[in-house]
C-alpha atoms as a PDB file:
ATOM      1  CA  MET A   1     133.610  42.547  77.620  1.00  0.00           C
ATOM      2  CA  ILE A   2     132.731  40.076  80.338  1.00  0.00           C
ATOM      3  CA  SER A   3     132.905  42.876  82.963  1.00  0.00           C
ATOM      4  CA  HIS A   4     129.669  44.287  81.565  1.00  0.00           C
ATOM      5  CA  LEU A   5     127.845  41.249  83.006  1.00  0.00           C
ATOM      6  CA  ARG A   6     128.551  42.670  86.491  1.00  0.00           C
ATOM      7  CA  ASP A   7     126.025  45.355  85.693  1.00  0.00           C
ATOM      8  CA  TYR A   8     122.758  44.617  87.521  1.00  0.00           C
ATOM      9  CA  ALA A   9     120.540  44.822  84.443  1.00  0.00           C
ATOM     10  CA  ASN A  10     122.970  42.822  82.248  1.00  0.00           C
ATOM     11  CA  ALA A  11     123.224  40.165  84.929  1.00  0.00           C
ATOM     12  CA  ILE A  12     119.449  39.742  84.826  1.00  0.00           C
ATOM     13  CA  THR A  13     119.619  39.429  81.055  1.00  0.00           C
ATOM     14  CA  THR A  14     122.297  36.766  81.447  1.00  0.00           C
ATOM     15  CA  LEU A  15     119.982  34.784  83.740  1.00  0.00           C
ATOM     16  CA  GLY A  16     117.338  35.074  81.041  1.00  0.00           C
ATOM     17  CA  TYR A  17     119.687  33.477  78.561  1.00  0.00           C
ATOM     18  CA  LEU A  18     120.152  30.534  80.934  1.00  0.00           C
ATOM     19  CA  PHE A  19     116.407  30.027  81.060  1.00  0.00           C
ATOM     20  CA  ALA A  20     116.294  30.226  77.262  1.00  0.00           C
ATOM     21  CA  VAL A  21     118.908  27.440  76.856  1.00  0.00           C
ATOM     22  CA  VAL A  22     117.082  25.268  79.415  1.00  0.00           C
ATOM     23  CA  GLY A  23     113.863  25.912  77.492  1.00  0.00           C
ATOM     24  CA  LEU A  24     115.394  24.897  74.163  1.00  0.00           C
ATOM     25  CA  PHE A  25     117.008  21.819  75.826  1.00  0.00           C
ATOM     26  CA  LEU A  26     113.712  20.629  77.274  1.00  0.00           C
ATOM     27  CA  THR A  27     111.760  21.300  74.098  1.00  0.00           C
ATOM     28  CA  LEU A  28     114.178  19.504  71.793  1.00  0.00           C
ATOM     29  CA  ASN A  29     114.187  16.560  74.159  1.00  0.00           C
ATOM     30  CA  GLY A  30     110.426  16.081  73.870  1.00  0.00           C
ATOM     31  CA  LYS A  31     109.293  18.124  76.918  1.00  0.00           C
ATOM     32  CA  LEU A  32     107.436  20.876  75.123  1.00  0.00           C
ATOM     33  CA  GLU A  33     105.364  22.179  78.041  1.00  0.00           C
ATOM     34  CA  LEU A  34     108.382  22.356  80.318  1.00  0.00           C
ATOM     35  CA  GLY A  35     110.435  24.073  77.670  1.00  0.00           C
ATOM     36  CA  VAL A  36     107.801  26.761  77.104  1.00  0.00           C
ATOM     37  CA  ALA A  37     107.517  27.195  80.895  1.00  0.00           C
ATOM     38  CA  ALA A  38     111.240  27.728  81.141  1.00  0.00           C
ATOM     39  CA  MET A  39     111.095  30.275  78.265  1.00  0.00           C
ATOM     40  CA  LEU A  40     108.579  32.265  80.216  1.00  0.00           C
ATOM     41  CA  GLY A  41     111.335  32.899  82.695  1.00  0.00           C
ATOM     42  CA  THR A  42     113.347  34.502  79.923  1.00  0.00           C
ATOM     43  CA  TRP A  43     110.247  36.558  78.977  1.00  0.00           C
ATOM     44  CA  PHE A  44     109.580  38.132  82.412  1.00  0.00           C
ATOM     45  CA  LEU A  45     113.285  38.669  83.057  1.00  0.00           C
ATOM     46  CA  ASP A  46     113.369  40.625  79.812  1.00  0.00           C
ATOM     47  CA  HIS A  47     111.043  43.134  81.467  1.00  0.00           C
ATOM     48  CA  TRP A  48     112.965  43.211  84.728  1.00  0.00           C
ATOM     49  CA  ASP A  49     116.268  43.959  83.068  1.00  0.00           C
ATOM     50  CA  GLY A  50     114.851  47.128  81.523  1.00  0.00           C
ATOM     51  CA  HIS A  51     113.149  48.083  84.789  1.00  0.00           C
ATOM     52  CA  VAL A  52     116.395  47.630  86.777  1.00  0.00           C
ATOM     53  CA  ALA A  53     118.378  49.467  84.041  1.00  0.00           C
ATOM     54  CA  ARG A  54     116.181  52.539  84.447  1.00  0.00           C
ATOM     55  CA  LYS A  55     116.311  52.416  88.272  1.00  0.00           C
ATOM     56  CA  THR A  56     120.113  52.049  88.314  1.00  0.00           C
ATOM     57  CA  SER A  57     121.033  54.309  85.420  1.00  0.00           C
ATOM     58  CA  HIS A  58     123.111  56.485  87.705  1.00  0.00           C
ATOM     59  CA  LEU A  59     125.145  53.494  88.841  1.00  0.00           C
ATOM     60  CA  ARG A  60     125.962  51.972  85.456  1.00  0.00           C
ATOM     61  CA  ARG A  61     129.548  51.852  84.243  1.00  0.00           C
ATOM     62  CA  PRO A  62     130.425  53.506  80.892  1.00  0.00           C
ATOM     63  CA  GLY A  63     129.424  51.281  77.999  1.00  0.00           C
ATOM     64  CA  ALA A  64     127.158  49.045  80.085  1.00  0.00           C
ATOM     65  CA  ALA A  65     123.963  50.575  78.740  1.00  0.00           C
ATOM     66  CA  ASP A  66     125.025  50.280  75.079  1.00  0.00           C
ATOM     67  CA  PHE A  67     126.160  46.697  75.631  1.00  0.00           C
ATOM     68  CA  GLY A  68     122.933  45.891  77.478  1.00  0.00           C
ATOM     69  CA  LYS A  69     120.813  47.242  74.610  1.00  0.00           C
ATOM     70  CA  SER A  70     122.328  44.804  72.104  1.00  0.00           C
ATOM     71  CA  PHE A  71     122.593  41.989  74.681  1.00  0.00           C
ATOM     72  CA  ASP A  72     118.872  42.360  75.410  1.00  0.00           C
ATOM     73  CA  GLY A  73     118.023  42.508  71.724  1.00  0.00           C
ATOM     74  CA  PHE A  74     119.666  39.113  71.067  1.00  0.00           C
ATOM     75  CA  SER A  75     117.686  37.706  73.956  1.00  0.00           C
ATOM     76  CA  ASP A  76     114.427  38.965  72.326  1.00  0.00           C
ATOM     77  CA  LEU A  77     115.461  37.283  69.109  1.00  0.00           C
ATOM     78  CA  VAL A  78     115.904  33.954  70.892  1.00  0.00           C
ATOM     79  CA  HIS A  79     112.787  33.814  73.078  1.00  0.00           C
ATOM     80  CA  GLY A  80     110.445  35.907  70.835  1.00  0.00           C
ATOM     81  CA  VAL A  81     111.453  34.667  67.350  1.00  0.00           C
ATOM     82  CA  ILE A  82     113.717  31.626  67.153  1.00  0.00           C
ATOM     83  CA  PHE A  83     112.043  29.663  69.903  1.00  0.00           C
ATOM     84  CA  PRO A  84     108.472  30.116  68.644  1.00  0.00           C
ATOM     85  CA  ALA A  85     109.630  29.366  65.091  1.00  0.00           C
ATOM     86  CA  ALA A  86     111.168  26.123  66.291  1.00  0.00           C
ATOM     87  CA  ILE A  87     107.960  25.174  68.077  1.00  0.00           C
ATOM     88  CA  ILE A  88     105.892  25.838  64.946  1.00  0.00           C
ATOM     89  CA  ILE A  89     108.216  23.611  62.958  1.00  0.00           C
ATOM     90  CA  LEU A  90     108.217  20.834  65.572  1.00  0.00           C
ATOM     91  CA  VAL A  91     104.423  20.877  66.010  1.00  0.00           C
ATOM     92  CA  GLY A  92     103.749  21.292  62.283  1.00  0.00           C
ATOM     93  CA  ARG A  93     105.897  18.292  61.402  1.00  0.00           C
ATOM     94  CA  GLY A  94     106.991  19.543  58.036  1.00  0.00           C
ATOM     95  CA  THR A  95     103.850  21.026  56.643  1.00  0.00           C
ATOM     96  CA  VAL A  96     104.054  23.861  54.120  1.00  0.00           C
ATOM     97  CA  LEU A  97     101.976  26.042  56.438  1.00  0.00           C
ATOM     98  CA  SER A  98     104.452  25.615  59.320  1.00  0.00           C
ATOM     99  CA  LEU A  99     107.300  26.503  56.936  1.00  0.00           C
ATOM    100  CA  VAL A 100     105.538  29.720  55.802  1.00  0.00           C
ATOM    101  CA  ALA A 101     104.689  30.653  59.372  1.00  0.00           C
ATOM    102  CA  SER A 102     108.224  30.207  60.652  1.00  0.00           C
ATOM    103  CA  LEU A 103     109.721  32.066  57.679  1.00  0.00           C
ATOM    104  CA  LEU A 104     107.372  35.044  58.163  1.00  0.00           C
ATOM    105  CA  LEU A 105     107.995  35.094  61.918  1.00  0.00           C
ATOM    106  CA  VAL A 106     111.781  35.114  61.561  1.00  0.00           C
ATOM    107  CA  LEU A 107     111.691  37.756  58.855  1.00  0.00           C
ATOM    108  CA  ALA A 108     109.155  40.010  60.630  1.00  0.00           C
ATOM    109  CA  GLY A 109     110.989  39.544  63.925  1.00  0.00           C
ATOM    110  CA  ALA A 110     114.335  40.489  62.450  1.00  0.00           C
ATOM    111  CA  ILE A 111     112.843  43.612  60.734  1.00  0.00           C
ATOM    112  CA  ARG A 112     111.126  44.689  63.950  1.00  0.00           C
ATOM    113  CA  LEU A 113     114.143  44.186  66.195  1.00  0.00           C
ATOM    114  CA  SER A 114     116.396  46.062  63.767  1.00  0.00           C
ATOM    115  CA  TYR A 115     113.907  48.895  63.585  1.00  0.00           C
ATOM    116  CA  PHE A 116     113.570  49.156  67.366  1.00  0.00           C
ATOM    117  CA  GLU A 117     117.357  48.953  67.789  1.00  0.00           C
ATOM    118  CA  ASN A 118     117.742  52.053  65.654  1.00  0.00           C
ATOM    119  CA  VAL A 119     114.539  54.037  66.306  1.00  0.00           C
ATOM    120  CA  GLY A 120     113.288  52.971  69.704  1.00  0.00           C
ATOM    121  CA  LEU A 121     109.928  53.844  71.211  1.00  0.00           C
ATOM    122  CA  ALA A 122     107.603  56.409  69.606  1.00  0.00           C
ATOM    123  CA  ALA A 123     107.310  59.890  71.168  1.00  0.00           C
ATOM    124  CA  ASP A 124     104.309  58.680  73.246  1.00  0.00           C
ATOM    125  CA  ALA A 125     106.479  55.849  74.754  1.00  0.00           C
ATOM    126  CA  ARG A 126     104.687  53.200  72.740  1.00  0.00           C
ATOM    127  CA  PHE A 127     105.993  50.506  70.466  1.00  0.00           C
ATOM    128  CA  ILE A 128     105.224  50.829  66.744  1.00  0.00           C
ATOM    129  CA  GLY A 129     103.964  47.329  65.853  1.00  0.00           C
ATOM    130  CA  VAL A 130     103.605  44.486  68.371  1.00  0.00           C
ATOM    131  CA  PRO A 131     106.858  43.710  70.151  1.00  0.00           C
ATOM    132  CA  VAL A 132     108.350  40.180  69.560  1.00  0.00           C
ATOM    133  CA  SER A 133     108.302  39.674  73.330  1.00  0.00           C
ATOM    134  CA  TYR A 134     104.554  39.120  73.038  1.00  0.00           C
ATOM    135  CA  ASP A 135     105.195  35.941  71.049  1.00  0.00           C
ATOM    136  CA  THR A 136     106.312  33.928  74.132  1.00  0.00           C
ATOM    137  CA  PRO A 137     103.163  34.483  76.224  1.00  0.00           C
ATOM    138  CA  LEU A 138     100.982  33.828  73.164  1.00  0.00           C
ATOM    139  CA  LEU A 139     102.841  30.579  72.535  1.00  0.00           C
ATOM    140  CA  ALA A 140     102.481  29.615  76.181  1.00  0.00           C
ATOM    141  CA  LEU A 141      98.762  30.328  76.104  1.00  0.00           C
ATOM    142  CA  LEU A 142      98.232  28.204  72.942  1.00  0.00           C
ATOM    143  CA  ILE A 143     100.227  25.315  74.406  1.00  0.00           C
ATOM    144  CA  LEU A 144      98.290  25.513  77.651  1.00  0.00           C
ATOM    145  CA  LEU A 145      95.001  25.388  75.714  1.00  0.00           C
ATOM    146  CA  ARG A 146      96.212  22.551  73.448  1.00  0.00           C
ATOM    147  CA  PRO A 147      94.353  19.804  75.292  1.00  0.00           C
ATOM    148  CA  LEU A 148      91.064  21.612  74.514  1.00  0.00           C
ATOM    149  CA  ILE A 149      91.794  21.820  70.752  1.00  0.00           C
ATOM    150  CA  PRO A 150      91.397  18.902  68.383  1.00  0.00           C
ATOM    151  CA  GLU A 151      94.899  17.539  67.759  1.00  0.00           C
ATOM    152  CA  PHE A 152      94.523  17.474  64.034  1.00  0.00           C
ATOM    153  CA  GLY A 153      93.725  21.203  63.981  1.00  0.00           C
ATOM    154  CA  PHE A 154      96.284  22.510  66.507  1.00  0.00           C
ATOM    155  CA  PRO A 155      99.327  22.705  64.164  1.00  0.00           C
ATOM    156  CA  ALA A 156      97.309  24.752  61.697  1.00  0.00           C
ATOM    157  CA  LEU A 157      95.959  26.997  64.435  1.00  0.00           C
ATOM    158  CA  LEU A 158      99.439  27.620  65.789  1.00  0.00           C
ATOM    159  CA  SER A 159     100.834  28.522  62.394  1.00  0.00           C
ATOM    160  CA  ILE A 160      97.917  30.840  61.480  1.00  0.00           C
ATOM    161  CA  ALA A 161      98.157  32.652  64.875  1.00  0.00           C
ATOM    162  CA  PHE A 162     101.842  33.385  64.304  1.00  0.00           C
ATOM    163  CA  ILE A 163     101.301  34.425  60.667  1.00  0.00           C
ATOM    164  CA  CYS A 164      98.832  37.004  61.987  1.00  0.00           C
ATOM    165  CA  LEU A 165     101.244  38.064  64.704  1.00  0.00           C
ATOM    166  CA  SER A 166     104.043  38.414  62.145  1.00  0.00           C
ATOM    167  CA  VAL A 167     101.964  40.944  60.249  1.00  0.00           C
ATOM    168  CA  LEU A 168     101.259  42.825  63.539  1.00  0.00           C
ATOM    169  CA  HIS A 169     104.990  42.942  64.302  1.00  0.00           C
ATOM    170  CA  VAL A 170     105.693  45.168  61.365  1.00  0.00           C
ATOM    171  CA  SER A 171     102.361  47.098  61.180  1.00  0.00           C
ATOM    172  CA  PRO A 172     102.962  50.855  61.597  1.00  0.00           C
ATOM    173  CA  ARG A 173      99.271  51.341  62.546  1.00  0.00           C
ATOM    174  CA  VAL A 174      99.576  49.298  65.736  1.00  0.00           C
ATOM    175  CA  ARG A 175     100.763  51.096  68.867  1.00  0.00           C
ATOM    176  CA  VAL A 176     101.513  49.044  71.991  1.00  0.00           C
ATOM    177  CA  PRO A 177     102.395  50.546  75.407  1.00  0.00           C
ATOM    178  CA  ALA A 178     105.638  49.346  76.955  1.00  0.00           C
ATOM    179  CA  ILE A 179     105.396  47.146  80.031  1.00  0.00           C
ATOM    180  CA  ARG A 180     106.866  49.346  82.710  1.00  0.00           C
ATOM    181  CA  GLY A 181     106.432  50.256  86.343  1.00  0.00           C
ATOM    182  CA  LYS A 182     103.601  48.393  88.082  1.00  0.00           C
ATOM    183  CA  ALA A 183     102.971  46.344  84.994  1.00  0.00           C
ATOM    184  CA  VAL A 184     106.276  44.475  85.418  1.00  0.00           C
ATOM    185  CA  PRO A 185     105.383  42.544  88.584  1.00  0.00           C
ATOM    186  CA  ILE A 186     101.909  41.919  87.119  1.00  0.00           C
ATOM    187  CA  ALA A 187     103.461  40.440  83.976  1.00  0.00           C
ATOM    188  CA  THR A 188     105.815  38.362  86.174  1.00  0.00           C
ATOM    189  CA  ALA A 189     102.899  36.949  88.217  1.00  0.00           C
ATOM    190  CA  ALA A 190     101.025  36.066  84.997  1.00  0.00           C
ATOM    191  CA  ALA A 191     104.141  34.351  83.601  1.00  0.00           C
ATOM    192  CA  VAL A 192     104.678  32.268  86.755  1.00  0.00           C
ATOM    193  CA  LEU A 193     101.025  31.200  86.889  1.00  0.00           C
ATOM    194  CA  THR A 194     101.086  30.221  83.265  1.00  0.00           C
ATOM    195  CA  ALA A 195     104.319  28.303  83.725  1.00  0.00           C
ATOM    196  CA  LEU A 196     102.767  26.434  86.674  1.00  0.00           C
ATOM    197  CA  GLY A 197      99.799  25.631  84.460  1.00  0.00           C
ATOM    198  CA  LEU A 198     102.070  24.254  81.789  1.00  0.00           C
ATOM    199  CA  ILE A 199     103.941  22.082  84.317  1.00  0.00           C
ATOM    200  CA  TYR A 200     100.594  20.837  85.760  1.00  0.00           C
ATOM    201  CA  SER A 201      99.309  20.031  82.263  1.00  0.00           C
ATOM    202  CA  ARG A 202     102.219  17.678  81.757  1.00  0.00           C
ATOM    203  CA  TYR A 203     102.449  16.109  85.201  1.00  0.00           C
ATOM    204  CA  GLY A 204      99.077  16.803  86.791  1.00  0.00           C
END
């Protein structure tokens, strides 16, 4: 069981889990911007583990790929569903809208991840529906723009944005290309720059 973590791709996913725990720890201790910045680490590592898995497929031990698929799926659930839902609840401070948004996000995220676990990409190598991994960068962007938005309206904006995204998660009409190849370092650079922006917004 633990031996599967010696696999290169699974080791990267493990590092992503560490970022996720740090992100949750910081957020629940009142450091929202830092928590989201840390969760962006989980987000870009989520793309690197798949990239490395494809590049090292000939080196992987028996069972490592199957283990990694589920291991990565749980990571998606944490950073793409549970974490944004927690932020919506914290920022919303108990409003009915924040409850509705978090409920829809968790339900849509669970449906989407279960579907992808069993069906995978479409024949054209595209996702059916928006992947839950897009939730983390959207959340980061909204938190980064928060100082420019009236404080009284931000909780509602956050909830409405994720209600809309929840619908897109399970929409069969939406096709999204997977982030692969040269797009992986580009996504990484964008995540790092956004994380630095979040850190600056708190301490700058």
